[in-house]
C-alpha cells in the first residue's frame, strides 16, 4: 500500500513538469502595445456589430502608429 502514494506523487510531478514546459517556451516580448476600442450605436430598424483588426511591426513607434492609422482609416 505504500507504493500507491509514491506512484501518485510521481505521476503528479510528471504532469506538473509537462504542463510547465509550455510556459517556458514563450519568448520575452518587449515594446508591444495592444489597443482595443468598442463603439455601439442603435439604428432605427437594425443593430450591427463590427470588429476591425490590424497588425503591423516597425521599430519606429511613430511610423508604426501612422501605418496602423492609415490602414484603419482606409478600411473605414
PDB file of N, CA and C in Angstrom:
ATOM      1  N   UNK A   1       0.810  -1.204   0.000  1.00  0.00           N
ATOM      2  CA  UNK A   1       0.000   0.000   0.000  1.00  0.00           C
ATOM      3  C   UNK A   1       0.850   1.265   0.000  1.00  0.00           C
ATOM      4  N   UNK A   2       2.109   1.181   0.409  1.00  0.00           N
ATOM      5  CA  UNK A   2       2.944   2.374   0.451  1.00  0.00           C
ATOM      6  C   UNK A   2       3.351   2.822  -0.949  1.00  0.00           C
ATOM      7  N   UNK A   3       3.322   1.931  -1.907  1.00  0.00           N
ATOM      8  CA  UNK A   3       3.726   2.295  -3.260  1.00  0.00           C
ATOM      9  C   UNK A   3       2.680   3.147  -3.963  1.00  0.00           C
ATOM     10  N   UNK A   4       1.424   3.043  -3.558  1.00  0.00           N
ATOM     11  CA  UNK A   4       0.366   3.817  -4.211  1.00  0.00           C
ATOM     12  C   UNK A   4       0.564   5.331  -4.019  1.00  0.00           C
ATOM     13  N   UNK A   5       0.846   5.840  -2.813  1.00  0.00           N
ATOM     14  CA  UNK A   5       1.106   7.276  -2.675  1.00  0.00           C
ATOM     15  C   UNK A   5       2.353   7.708  -3.437  1.00  0.00           C
ATOM     16  N   UNK A   6       3.360   6.832  -3.481  1.00  0.00           N
ATOM     17  CA  UNK A   6       4.585   7.164  -4.208  1.00  0.00           C
ATOM     18  C   UNK A   6       4.293   7.286  -5.703  1.00  0.00           C
ATOM     19  N   UNK A   7       3.528   6.366  -6.252  1.00  0.00           N
ATOM     20  CA  UNK A   7       3.162   6.416  -7.672  1.00  0.00           C
ATOM     21  C   UNK A   7       2.325   7.658  -7.956  1.00  0.00           C
ATOM     22  N   UNK A   8       1.399   7.982  -7.062  1.00  0.00           N
ATOM     23  CA  UNK A   8       0.571   9.174  -7.247  1.00  0.00           C
ATOM     24  C   UNK A   8       1.423  10.432  -7.218  1.00  0.00           C
ATOM     25  N   UNK A   9       2.420  10.485  -6.329  1.00  0.00           N
ATOM     26  CA  UNK A   9       3.310  11.646  -6.250  1.00  0.00           C
ATOM     27  C   UNK A   9       4.144  11.786  -7.514  1.00  0.00           C
ATOM     28  N   UNK A  10       4.687  10.692  -7.985  1.00  0.00           N
ATOM     29  CA  UNK A  10       5.495  10.723  -9.212  1.00  0.00           C
ATOM     30  C   UNK A  10       4.641  11.144 -10.401  1.00  0.00           C
ATOM     31  N   UNK A  11       3.438  10.628 -10.476  1.00  0.00           N
ATOM     32  CA  UNK A  11       2.537  10.994 -11.565  1.00  0.00           C
ATOM     33  C   UNK A  11       2.185  12.478 -11.512  1.00  0.00           C
ATOM     34  N   UNK A  12       1.916  12.998 -10.326  1.00  0.00           N
ATOM     35  CA  UNK A  12       1.583  14.417 -10.182  1.00  0.00           C
ATOM     36  C   UNK A  12       2.760  15.298 -10.574  1.00  0.00           C
ATOM     37  N   UNK A  13       3.971  14.932 -10.159  1.00  0.00           N
ATOM     38  CA  UNK A  13       5.156  15.705 -10.528  1.00  0.00           C
ATOM     39  C   UNK A  13       5.417  15.650 -12.031  1.00  0.00           C
ATOM     40  N   UNK A  14       5.206  14.513 -12.643  1.00  0.00           N
ATOM     41  CA  UNK A  14       5.393  14.383 -14.089  1.00  0.00           C
ATOM     42  C   UNK A  14       4.407  15.257 -14.847  1.00  0.00           C
ATOM     43  N   UNK A  15       3.157  15.231 -14.441  1.00  0.00           N
ATOM     44  CA  UNK A  15       2.140  16.060 -15.105  1.00  0.00           C
ATOM     45  C   UNK A  15       2.451  17.535 -14.920  1.00  0.00           C
ATOM     46  N   UNK A  16       2.859  17.928 -13.710  1.00  0.00           N
ATOM     47  CA  UNK A  16       3.201  19.332 -13.460  1.00  0.00           C
ATOM     48  C   UNK A  16       4.398  19.756 -14.301  1.00  0.00           C
ATOM     49  N   UNK A  17       5.378  18.880 -14.435  1.00  0.00           N
ATOM     50  CA  UNK A  17       6.549  19.197 -15.251  1.00  0.00           C
ATOM     51  C   UNK A  17       6.206  19.353 -16.717  1.00  0.00           C
ATOM     52  N   UNK A  18       5.361  18.480 -17.223  1.00  0.00           N
ATOM     53  CA  UNK A  18       4.955  18.579 -18.627  1.00  0.00           C
ATOM     54  C   UNK A  18       4.111  19.823 -18.874  1.00  0.00           C
ATOM     55  N   UNK A  19       3.280  20.186 -17.926  1.00  0.00           N
ATOM     56  CA  UNK A  19       2.432  21.363 -18.093  1.00  0.00           C
ATOM     57  C   UNK A  19       3.250  22.641 -18.049  1.00  0.00           C
ATOM     58  N   UNK A  20       4.338  22.662 -17.292  1.00  0.00           N
ATOM     59  CA  UNK A  20       5.122  23.887 -17.151  1.00  0.00           C
ATOM     60  C   UNK A  20       6.068  24.123 -18.322  1.00  0.00           C
ATOM     61  N   UNK A  21       6.345  23.127 -19.151  1.00  0.00           N
ATOM     62  CA  UNK A  21       7.257  23.334 -20.276  1.00  0.00           C
ATOM     63  C   UNK A  21       6.683  24.305 -21.292  1.00  0.00           C
ATOM     64  N   UNK A  22       5.392  24.365 -21.431  1.00  0.00           N
ATOM     65  CA  UNK A  22       4.778  25.323 -22.347  1.00  0.00           C
ATOM     66  C   UNK A  22       4.966  26.749 -21.886  1.00  0.00           C
ATOM     67  N   UNK A  23       5.027  26.967 -20.596  1.00  0.00           N
ATOM     68  CA  UNK A  23       5.239  28.313 -20.071  1.00  0.00           C
ATOM     69  C   UNK A  23       6.648  28.803 -20.358  1.00  0.00           C
ATOM     70  N   UNK A  24       7.610  27.912 -20.367  1.00  0.00           N
ATOM     71  CA  UNK A  24       8.992  28.295 -20.612  1.00  0.00           C
ATOM     72  C   UNK A  24       9.274  28.524 -22.089  1.00  0.00           C
ATOM     73  N   UNK A  25       8.442  28.016 -22.969  1.00  0.00           N
ATOM     74  CA  UNK A  25       8.685  28.105 -24.404  1.00  0.00           C
ATOM     75  C   UNK A  25       8.428  29.502 -24.956  1.00  0.00           C
ATOM     76  N   UNK A  26       7.589  30.305 -24.291  1.00  0.00           N
ATOM     77  CA  UNK A  26       7.289  31.638 -24.803  1.00  0.00           C
ATOM     78  C   UNK A  26       8.501  32.547 -24.646  1.00  0.00           C
ATOM     79  N   UNK A  27       8.832  33.243 -25.708  1.00  0.00           N
ATOM     80  CA  UNK A  27       9.945  34.174 -25.654  1.00  0.00           C
ATOM     81  C   UNK A  27       9.469  35.507 -25.088  1.00  0.00           C
ATOM     82  N   UNK A  28      10.394  36.256 -24.514  1.00  0.00           N
ATOM     83  CA  UNK A  28      10.046  37.563 -23.951  1.00  0.00           C
ATOM     84  C   UNK A  28       9.757  38.537 -25.086  1.00  0.00           C
ATOM     85  N   UNK A  29       8.687  39.275 -24.946  1.00  0.00           N
ATOM     86  CA  UNK A  29       8.308  40.253 -25.970  1.00  0.00           C
ATOM     87  C   UNK A  29       8.240  41.622 -25.310  1.00  0.00           C
ATOM     88  N   UNK A  30       8.982  42.556 -25.852  1.00  0.00           N
ATOM     89  CA  UNK A  30       9.054  43.887 -25.291  1.00  0.00           C
ATOM     90  C   UNK A  30       8.481  44.900 -26.275  1.00  0.00           C
ATOM     91  N   UNK A  31       8.102  46.045 -25.767  1.00  0.00           N
ATOM     92  CA  UNK A  31       7.602  47.165 -26.570  1.00  0.00           C
ATOM     93  C   UNK A  31       6.414  46.768 -27.432  1.00  0.00           C
ATOM     94  N   UNK A  32       5.515  46.008 -26.880  1.00  0.00           N
ATOM     95  CA  UNK A  32       4.301  45.642 -27.597  1.00  0.00           C
ATOM     96  C   UNK A  32       3.140  46.408 -27.004  1.00  0.00           C
ATOM     97  N   UNK A  33       2.273  46.855 -27.869  1.00  0.00           N
ATOM     98  CA  UNK A  33       1.103  47.614 -27.444  1.00  0.00           C
ATOM     99  C   UNK A  33      -0.135  46.922 -27.984  1.00  0.00           C
ATOM    100  N   UNK A  34      -1.124  46.776 -27.159  1.00  0.00           N
ATOM    101  CA  UNK A  34      -2.407  46.229 -27.589  1.00  0.00           C
ATOM    102  C   UNK A  34      -3.479  47.272 -27.293  1.00  0.00           C
ATOM    103  N   UNK A  35      -4.189  47.674 -28.310  1.00  0.00           N
ATOM    104  CA  UNK A  35      -5.249  48.661 -28.166  1.00  0.00           C
ATOM    105  C   UNK A  35      -6.573  48.030 -28.549  1.00  0.00           C
ATOM    106  N   UNK A  36      -7.626  48.461 -27.874  1.00  0.00           N
ATOM    107  CA  UNK A  36      -8.958  47.964 -28.200  1.00  0.00           C
ATOM    108  C   UNK A  36      -9.943  49.096 -28.005  1.00  0.00           C
ATOM    109  N   UNK A  37     -10.816  49.257 -28.969  1.00  0.00           N
ATOM    110  CA  UNK A  37     -11.872  50.263 -28.880  1.00  0.00           C
ATOM    111  C   UNK A  37     -13.193  49.605 -29.231  1.00  0.00           C
ATOM    112  N   UNK A  38     -14.243  50.054 -28.587  1.00  0.00           N
ATOM    113  CA  UNK A  38     -15.550  49.464 -28.825  1.00  0.00           C
ATOM    114  C   UNK A  38     -16.579  50.582 -28.888  1.00  0.00           C
ATOM    115  N   UNK A  39     -17.432  50.520 -29.896  1.00  0.00           N
ATOM    116  CA  UNK A  39     -18.471  51.530 -30.075  1.00  0.00           C
ATOM    117  C   UNK A  39     -19.780  50.825 -30.383  1.00  0.00           C
ATOM    118  N   UNK A  40     -20.842  51.264 -29.747  1.00  0.00           N
ATOM    119  CA  UNK A  40     -22.178  50.739 -30.016  1.00  0.00           C
ATOM    120  C   UNK A  40     -23.092  51.893 -30.364  1.00  0.00           C
ATOM    121  N   UNK A  41     -23.929  51.697 -31.357  1.00  0.00           N
ATOM    122  CA  UNK A  41     -24.903  52.717 -31.732  1.00  0.00           C
ATOM    123  C   UNK A  41     -26.145  52.011 -32.256  1.00  0.00           C
ATOM    124  N   UNK A  42     -27.289  52.360 -31.688  1.00  0.00           N
ATOM    125  CA  UNK A  42     -28.540  51.785 -32.164  1.00  0.00           C
ATOM    126  C   UNK A  42     -29.029  52.577 -33.370  1.00  0.00           C
ATOM    127  N   UNK A  43     -29.567  51.848 -34.332  1.00  0.00           N
ATOM    128  CA  UNK A  43     -30.164  52.477 -35.504  1.00  0.00           C
ATOM    129  C   UNK A  43     -31.641  52.106 -35.543  1.00  0.00           C
ATOM    130  N   UNK A  44     -32.376  52.742 -36.417  1.00  0.00           N
ATOM    131  CA  UNK A  44     -33.836  52.644 -36.402  1.00  0.00           C
ATOM    132  C   UNK A  44     -34.360  51.205 -36.419  1.00  0.00           C
ATOM    133  N   UNK A  45     -33.926  50.388 -37.355  1.00  0.00           N
ATOM    134  CA  UNK A  45     -34.531  49.062 -37.504  1.00  0.00           C
ATOM    135  C   UNK A  45     -33.519  47.925 -37.507  1.00  0.00           C
ATOM    136  N   UNK A  46     -32.348  48.187 -36.996  1.00  0.00           N
ATOM    137  CA  UNK A  46     -31.325  47.159 -37.086  1.00  0.00           C
ATOM    138  C   UNK A  46     -30.251  47.409 -36.039  1.00  0.00           C
ATOM    139  N   UNK A  47     -29.458  46.399 -35.773  1.00  0.00           N
ATOM    140  CA  UNK A  47     -28.310  46.508 -34.891  1.00  0.00           C
ATOM    141  C   UNK A  47     -27.160  45.777 -35.565  1.00  0.00           C
ATOM    142  N   UNK A  48     -25.998  46.422 -35.639  1.00  0.00           N
ATOM    143  CA  UNK A  48     -24.862  45.847 -36.339  1.00  0.00           C
ATOM    144  C   UNK A  48     -23.662  45.816 -35.396  1.00  0.00           C
ATOM    145  N   UNK A  49     -22.933  44.714 -35.398  1.00  0.00           N
ATOM    146  CA  UNK A  49     -21.698  44.580 -34.631  1.00  0.00           C
ATOM    147  C   UNK A  49     -20.550  44.458 -35.624  1.00  0.00           C
ATOM    148  N   UNK A  50     -19.533  45.293 -35.467  1.00  0.00           N
ATOM    149  CA  UNK A  50     -18.390  45.279 -36.375  1.00  0.00           C
ATOM    150  C   UNK A  50     -17.115  45.169 -35.548  1.00  0.00           C
ATOM    151  N   UNK A  51     -16.216  44.305 -35.975  1.00  0.00           N
ATOM    152  CA  UNK A  51     -14.903  44.192 -35.354  1.00  0.00           C
ATOM    153  C   UNK A  51     -13.865  44.474 -36.428  1.00  0.00           C
ATOM    154  N   UNK A  52     -12.980  45.402 -36.141  1.00  0.00           N
ATOM    155  CA  UNK A  52     -11.936  45.794 -37.081  1.00  0.00           C
ATOM    156  C   UNK A  52     -10.594  45.512 -36.420  1.00  0.00           C
ATOM    157  N   UNK A  53      -9.691  44.843 -37.143  1.00  0.00           N
ATOM    158  CA  UNK A  53      -8.422  44.416 -36.568  1.00  0.00           C
ATOM    159  C   UNK A  53      -7.307  44.615 -37.585  1.00  0.00           C
ATOM    160  N   UNK A  54      -6.182  45.116 -37.119  1.00  0.00           N
ATOM    161  CA  UNK A  54      -4.996  45.194 -37.962  1.00  0.00           C
ATOM    162  C   UNK A  54      -3.768  44.934 -37.102  1.00  0.00           C
ATOM    163  N   UNK A  55      -2.705  44.464 -37.735  1.00  0.00           N
ATOM    164  CA  UNK A  55      -1.466  44.170 -37.016  1.00  0.00           C
ATOM    165  C   UNK A  55      -0.302  44.603 -37.889  1.00  0.00           C
ATOM    166  N   UNK A  56       0.692  45.231 -37.279  1.00  0.00           N
ATOM    167  CA  UNK A  56       1.867  45.679 -38.022  1.00  0.00           C
ATOM    168  C   UNK A  56       3.077  45.666 -37.098  1.00  0.00           C
ATOM    169  N   UNK A  57       4.258  45.679 -37.699  1.00  0.00           N
ATOM    170  CA  UNK A  57       5.502  45.727 -36.931  1.00  0.00           C
ATOM    171  C   UNK A  57       6.401  46.791 -37.524  1.00  0.00           C
ATOM    172  N   UNK A  58       7.059  47.544 -36.636  1.00  0.00           N
ATOM    173  CA  UNK A  58       8.007  48.559 -37.066  1.00  0.00           C
ATOM    174  C   UNK A  58       8.836  48.953 -35.856  1.00  0.00           C
ATOM    175  N   UNK A  59      10.114  49.205 -36.039  1.00  0.00           N
ATOM    176  CA  UNK A  59      10.967  49.587 -34.913  1.00  0.00           C
ATOM    177  C   UNK A  59      10.748  51.039 -34.498  1.00  0.00           C
ATOM    178  N   UNK A  60      10.179  51.853 -35.382  1.00  0.00           N
ATOM    179  CA  UNK A  60       9.896  53.259 -35.072  1.00  0.00           C
ATOM    180  C   UNK A  60       8.428  53.395 -34.658  1.00  0.00           C
ATOM    181  N   UNK A  61       8.156  53.755 -33.398  1.00  0.00           N
ATOM    182  CA  UNK A  61       6.769  53.835 -32.924  1.00  0.00           C
ATOM    183  C   UNK A  61       5.906  54.828 -33.700  1.00  0.00           C
ATOM    184  N   UNK A  62       6.482  55.945 -34.119  1.00  0.00           N
ATOM    185  CA  UNK A  62       5.704  56.941 -34.863  1.00  0.00           C
ATOM    186  C   UNK A  62       5.287  56.400 -36.228  1.00  0.00           C
ATOM    187  N   UNK A  63       6.206  55.726 -36.912  1.00  0.00           N
ATOM    188  CA  UNK A  63       5.881  55.140 -38.216  1.00  0.00           C
ATOM    189  C   UNK A  63       4.862  54.016 -38.062  1.00  0.00           C
ATOM    190  N   UNK A  64       4.996  53.241 -36.997  1.00  0.00           N
ATOM    191  CA  UNK A  64       4.046  52.164 -36.740  1.00  0.00           C
ATOM    192  C   UNK A  64       2.649  52.722 -36.495  1.00  0.00           C
ATOM    193  N   UNK A  65       2.553  53.763 -35.676  1.00  0.00           N
ATOM    194  CA  UNK A  65       1.251  54.380 -35.402  1.00  0.00           C
ATOM    195  C   UNK A  65       0.640  54.949 -36.675  1.00  0.00           C
ATOM    196  N   UNK A  66       1.453  55.597 -37.498  1.00  0.00           N
ATOM    197  CA  UNK A  66       0.952  56.163 -38.750  1.00  0.00           C
ATOM    198  C   UNK A  66       0.476  55.061 -39.699  1.00  0.00           C
ATOM    199  N   UNK A  67       1.215  53.979 -39.772  1.00  0.00           N
ATOM    200  CA  UNK A  67       0.841  52.863 -40.649  1.00  0.00           C
ATOM    201  C   UNK A  67      -0.485  52.237 -40.217  1.00  0.00           C
ATOM    202  N   UNK A  68      -0.635  52.015 -38.922  1.00  0.00           N
ATOM    203  CA  UNK A  68      -1.882  51.427 -38.420  1.00  0.00           C
ATOM    204  C   UNK A  68      -3.046  52.384 -38.618  1.00  0.00           C
ATOM    205  N   UNK A  69      -2.828  53.669 -38.346  1.00  0.00           N
ATOM    206  CA  UNK A  69      -3.891  54.662 -38.541  1.00  0.00           C
ATOM    207  C   UNK A  69      -4.320  54.724 -39.996  1.00  0.00           C
ATOM    208  N   UNK A  70      -3.362  54.732 -40.913  1.00  0.00           N
ATOM    209  CA  UNK A  70      -3.693  54.763 -42.344  1.00  0.00           C
ATOM    210  C   UNK A  70      -4.472  53.521 -42.758  1.00  0.00           C
ATOM    211  N   UNK A  71      -4.066  52.372 -42.278  1.00  0.00           N
ATOM    212  CA  UNK A  71      -4.767  51.130 -42.620  1.00  0.00           C
ATOM    213  C   UNK A  71      -6.202  51.156 -42.126  1.00  0.00           C
ATOM    214  N   UNK A  72      -6.392  51.564 -40.873  1.00  0.00           N
ATOM    215  CA  UNK A  72      -7.745  51.605 -40.313  1.00  0.00           C
ATOM    216  C   UNK A  72      -8.606  52.664 -40.997  1.00  0.00           C
ATOM    217  N   UNK A  73      -8.023  53.818 -41.300  1.00  0.00           N
ATOM    218  CA  UNK A  73      -8.792  54.868 -41.986  1.00  0.00           C
ATOM    219  C   UNK A  73      -9.205  54.445 -43.392  1.00  0.00           C
ATOM    220  N   UNK A  74      -8.339  53.743 -44.099  1.00  0.00           N
ATOM    221  CA  UNK A  74      -8.693  53.254 -45.434  1.00  0.00           C
ATOM    222  C   UNK A  74      -9.823  52.234 -45.357  1.00  0.00           C
ATOM    223  N   UNK A  75      -9.818  51.453 -44.305  1.00  0.00           N
ATOM    224  CA  UNK A  75     -10.853  50.434 -44.136  1.00  0.00           C
ATOM    225  C   UNK A  75     -12.213  51.063 -43.895  1.00  0.00           C
ATOM    226  N   UNK A  76     -12.223  52.118 -43.114  1.00  0.00           N
ATOM    227  CA  UNK A  76     -13.494  52.777 -42.810  1.00  0.00           C
ATOM    228  C   UNK A  76     -13.951  53.579 -43.995  1.00  0.00           C
TER     229      UNK A  76
END
